[in-house]
Amino acid sequence: MTGSPGRFCPLLTTARLALGPHEAADYTDVLSTWQDPVVVKYFGGVPSTAEECWARLLRYAGLWGLLGFGYWRIRERASGRFVGEIGLAEFRRDITPSLAGWPEAGWVLAPWAHGQGFAREAAEAIFAWADGVLQADRTVCLIDPGNAPSLVLAAKLGFRPFAEARYKERDSVLLERFRPAAPDAAP
């Protein structure tokens, strides 16, 4: 599934959040987030290097141009403070069963933002966009089975487990979400 290559990251807003494209100026926030032990606990457990964070930032920018969908940077509207990142990608992971061909959802929040409902608020905004614009029938994600907050969020968003797998020597739960059916048009 691909969107429209060359598409730019749309600006999305919610009551508390502003979602927009990553910029080079976001590097410090990305680095701080991905080097935090609380954040990386369920992403391999090893803080990302400065080089890996820069590559991540470049990857986020490239997704939109190549696939027509990608990741948003999340900021709190009131303060402008960096909240985290959320989006859709096709990473072509070396995993069985394969996730290739389906937008893969992912999210990560700075530790200060945990437990405030920001992830759900941002996720609902991106899925409203994706369901209307991408119209992907299915979206997938993988979550570490010990990451209870992400599993709870995924369930609230309509994701259901469909398989268990090993990815990079770690157990993962593979989940899928089906796009809600469009309401019937009035006669």
Protein backbone atom coordinates (compact mmCIF):
# COMPACT_ATOMS: atom_id res chain seq x y z
CA MET A 1 0.00 0.00 0.00
CA THR A 2 1.41 3.37 -0.90
CA GLY A 3 0.01 6.84 -0.70
CA SER A 4 0.78 9.51 -3.26
CA PRO A 5 4.57 9.80 -3.60
CA GLY A 6 5.74 13.38 -3.36
CA ARG A 7 3.06 14.24 -0.81
CA PHE A 8 4.11 16.54 1.99
CA CYS A 9 3.39 15.94 5.65
CA PRO A 10 0.05 17.59 6.43
CA LEU A 11 -0.37 19.73 9.53
CA LEU A 12 -2.84 18.22 11.98
CA THR A 13 -4.12 19.77 15.18
CA THR A 14 -6.05 18.46 18.13
CA ALA A 15 -7.27 20.19 21.25
CA ARG A 16 -3.81 20.04 22.82
CA LEU A 17 -1.40 19.01 20.08
CA ALA A 18 0.14 20.22 16.84
CA LEU A 19 1.39 17.50 14.50
CA GLY A 20 3.71 18.51 11.69
CA PRO A 21 6.76 17.52 9.68
CA HIS A 22 10.08 16.91 11.32
CA GLU A 23 12.68 19.62 10.78
CA ALA A 24 16.43 19.69 11.31
CA ALA A 25 15.78 21.83 14.40
CA ASP A 26 13.99 18.82 15.97
CA TYR A 27 17.27 16.88 16.16
CA THR A 28 17.99 17.78 19.80
CA ASP A 29 14.51 16.67 20.88
CA VAL A 30 14.74 13.45 18.87
CA LEU A 31 18.18 12.73 20.33
CA SER A 32 17.02 13.41 23.90
CA THR A 33 13.97 11.18 23.47
CA TRP A 34 15.74 8.23 21.84
CA GLN A 35 18.60 8.33 24.35
CA ASP A 36 16.27 8.12 27.33
CA PRO A 37 16.33 4.64 28.98
CA VAL A 38 12.59 4.86 29.73
CA VAL A 39 11.84 5.39 26.03
CA VAL A 40 14.14 2.72 24.60
CA LYS A 41 13.21 0.02 27.12
CA TYR A 42 10.83 -1.62 24.61
CA PHE A 43 12.84 -0.67 21.50
CA GLY A 44 15.81 -2.94 22.06
CA GLY A 45 16.81 -1.43 25.39
CA VAL A 46 19.83 0.45 24.05
CA PRO A 47 19.82 4.24 23.70
CA SER A 48 20.25 5.43 20.12
CA THR A 49 23.48 7.09 19.09
CA ALA A 50 23.60 10.63 17.75
CA GLU A 51 24.18 9.17 14.27
CA GLU A 52 21.18 6.84 14.57
CA CYS A 53 18.96 9.74 15.67
CA TRP A 54 20.08 11.86 12.73
CA ALA A 55 19.37 8.94 10.36
CA ARG A 56 15.93 8.53 11.97
CA LEU A 57 15.18 12.21 11.35
CA LEU A 58 16.25 11.86 7.70
CA ARG A 59 14.12 8.72 7.33
CA TYR A 60 11.07 10.55 8.66
CA ALA A 61 11.50 13.26 6.02
CA GLY A 62 12.05 10.72 3.25
CA LEU A 63 8.96 8.64 3.98
CA TRP A 64 6.59 11.37 2.83
CA GLY A 65 8.29 11.90 -0.52
CA LEU A 66 8.60 8.20 -1.32
CA LEU A 67 5.42 6.73 0.13
CA GLY A 68 2.99 9.61 0.55
CA PHE A 69 2.71 8.93 4.28
CA GLY A 70 5.11 9.02 7.19
CA TYR A 71 5.80 10.31 10.67
CA TRP A 72 4.71 13.50 12.38
CA ARG A 73 6.51 15.42 15.08
CA ILE A 74 4.15 16.12 17.98
CA ARG A 75 4.31 19.38 19.95
CA GLU A 76 2.10 20.64 22.73
CA ARG A 77 0.12 23.57 21.30
CA ALA A 78 0.11 25.66 24.47
CA SER A 79 3.85 25.50 25.16
CA GLY A 80 5.44 24.31 21.91
CA ARG A 81 7.16 21.58 23.93
CA PHE A 82 8.24 18.43 22.06
CA VAL A 83 5.87 15.58 22.95
CA GLY A 84 7.10 12.83 20.63
CA GLU A 85 6.62 11.22 17.24
CA ILE A 86 3.84 9.23 15.61
CA GLY A 87 3.11 7.98 12.17
CA LEU A 88 2.88 5.35 9.51
CA ALA A 89 5.68 3.75 7.52
CA GLU A 90 6.61 0.70 5.54
CA PHE A 91 9.90 -0.43 7.03
CA ARG A 92 10.06 -3.79 5.18
CA ARG A 93 11.15 -5.46 8.36
CA ASP A 94 12.76 -8.88 8.23
CA ILE A 95 9.94 -10.54 10.16
CA THR A 96 7.55 -13.46 9.69
CA PRO A 97 4.72 -13.00 9.06
CA SER A 98 5.61 -10.09 6.83
CA LEU A 99 4.19 -6.62 7.41
CA ALA A 100 5.19 -5.49 3.92
CA GLY A 101 2.52 -3.82 1.88
CA TRP A 102 0.66 -2.34 4.83
CA PRO A 103 1.18 0.98 6.61
CA GLU A 104 2.85 0.24 9.93
CA ALA A 105 1.86 2.48 12.81
CA GLY A 106 4.29 3.57 15.48
CA TRP A 107 4.54 6.09 18.28
CA VAL A 108 7.01 7.23 20.89
CA LEU A 109 6.61 9.97 23.47
CA ALA A 110 9.08 11.83 25.64
CA PRO A 111 8.88 10.51 29.21
CA TRP A 112 7.36 13.74 30.58
CA ALA A 113 4.38 13.20 28.23
CA HIS A 114 3.56 9.62 29.31
CA GLY A 115 0.19 8.97 30.91
CA GLN A 116 -1.50 12.19 29.76
CA GLY A 117 -3.51 10.84 26.82
CA PHE A 118 -1.28 12.55 24.25
CA ALA A 119 -0.54 9.35 22.32
CA ARG A 120 -4.21 8.52 21.89
CA GLU A 121 -5.06 12.08 20.92
CA ALA A 122 -2.31 12.13 18.28
CA ALA A 123 -3.13 8.62 17.04
CA GLU A 124 -6.80 9.44 16.58
CA ALA A 125 -5.78 12.45 14.48
CA ILE A 126 -3.46 10.49 12.22
CA PHE A 127 -5.95 7.66 11.75
CA ALA A 128 -8.70 10.13 10.87
CA TRP A 129 -6.30 11.48 8.23
CA ALA A 130 -5.20 8.03 7.05
CA ASP A 131 -8.71 6.59 6.89
CA GLY A 132 -9.84 9.52 4.76
CA VAL A 133 -6.78 10.13 2.60
CA LEU A 134 -4.83 6.88 2.39
CA GLN A 135 -7.87 4.67 2.69
CA ALA A 136 -5.67 1.71 3.59
CA ASP A 137 -7.95 -1.18 4.43
CA ARG A 138 -5.48 -2.49 7.00
CA THR A 139 -2.83 -0.97 9.24
CA VAL A 140 -0.34 -3.02 11.25
CA CYS A 141 2.04 -2.50 14.16
CA LEU A 142 4.41 -4.48 16.32
CA ILE A 143 4.73 -4.00 20.05
CA ASP A 144 6.94 -5.57 22.69
CA PRO A 145 4.65 -7.83 24.78
CA GLY A 146 5.90 -6.14 27.96
CA ASN A 147 4.85 -2.69 26.78
CA ALA A 148 1.43 -2.68 28.46
CA PRO A 149 0.68 1.04 27.86
CA SER A 150 1.22 0.67 24.09
CA LEU A 151 -0.82 -2.53 23.96
CA VAL A 152 -3.68 -0.77 25.78
CA LEU A 153 -3.46 2.20 23.40
CA ALA A 154 -3.41 -0.09 20.36
CA ALA A 155 -6.57 -1.85 21.59
CA LYS A 156 -8.32 1.49 22.11
CA LEU A 157 -7.40 2.41 18.52
CA GLY A 158 -8.94 -0.79 17.19
CA PHE A 159 -5.81 -2.92 16.79
CA ARG A 160 -6.13 -6.64 17.49
CA PRO A 161 -3.30 -9.18 17.79
CA PHE A 162 -2.90 -11.51 14.82
CA ALA A 163 0.50 -13.14 15.45
CA GLU A 164 3.53 -13.35 17.70
CA ALA A 165 7.00 -13.10 16.20
CA ARG A 166 10.68 -12.55 16.93
CA TYR A 167 12.16 -9.33 15.62
CA LYS A 168 15.82 -8.47 16.23
CA GLU A 169 16.05 -11.20 18.86
CA ARG A 170 13.06 -9.86 20.82
CA ASP A 171 9.51 -11.11 21.17
CA SER A 172 6.88 -8.99 19.46
CA VAL A 173 3.12 -8.96 19.22
CA LEU A 174 1.88 -8.18 15.71
CA LEU A 175 -1.40 -6.30 15.59
CA GLU A 176 -3.75 -5.17 12.85
CA ARG A 177 -6.42 -2.53 12.54
CA PHE A 178 -9.02 -2.47 9.78
CA ARG A 179 -10.32 0.82 8.41
CA PRO A 180 -13.86 1.42 9.62
CA ALA A 181 -16.51 1.01 6.97
CA ALA A 182 -17.78 4.26 5.52
CA PRO A 183 -21.29 5.11 6.68
CA ASP A 184 -23.97 4.38 4.13
CA ALA A 185 -24.89 7.36 2.02
CA ALA A 186 -28.38 8.72 2.58
CA PRO A 187 -30.83 8.06 -0.30
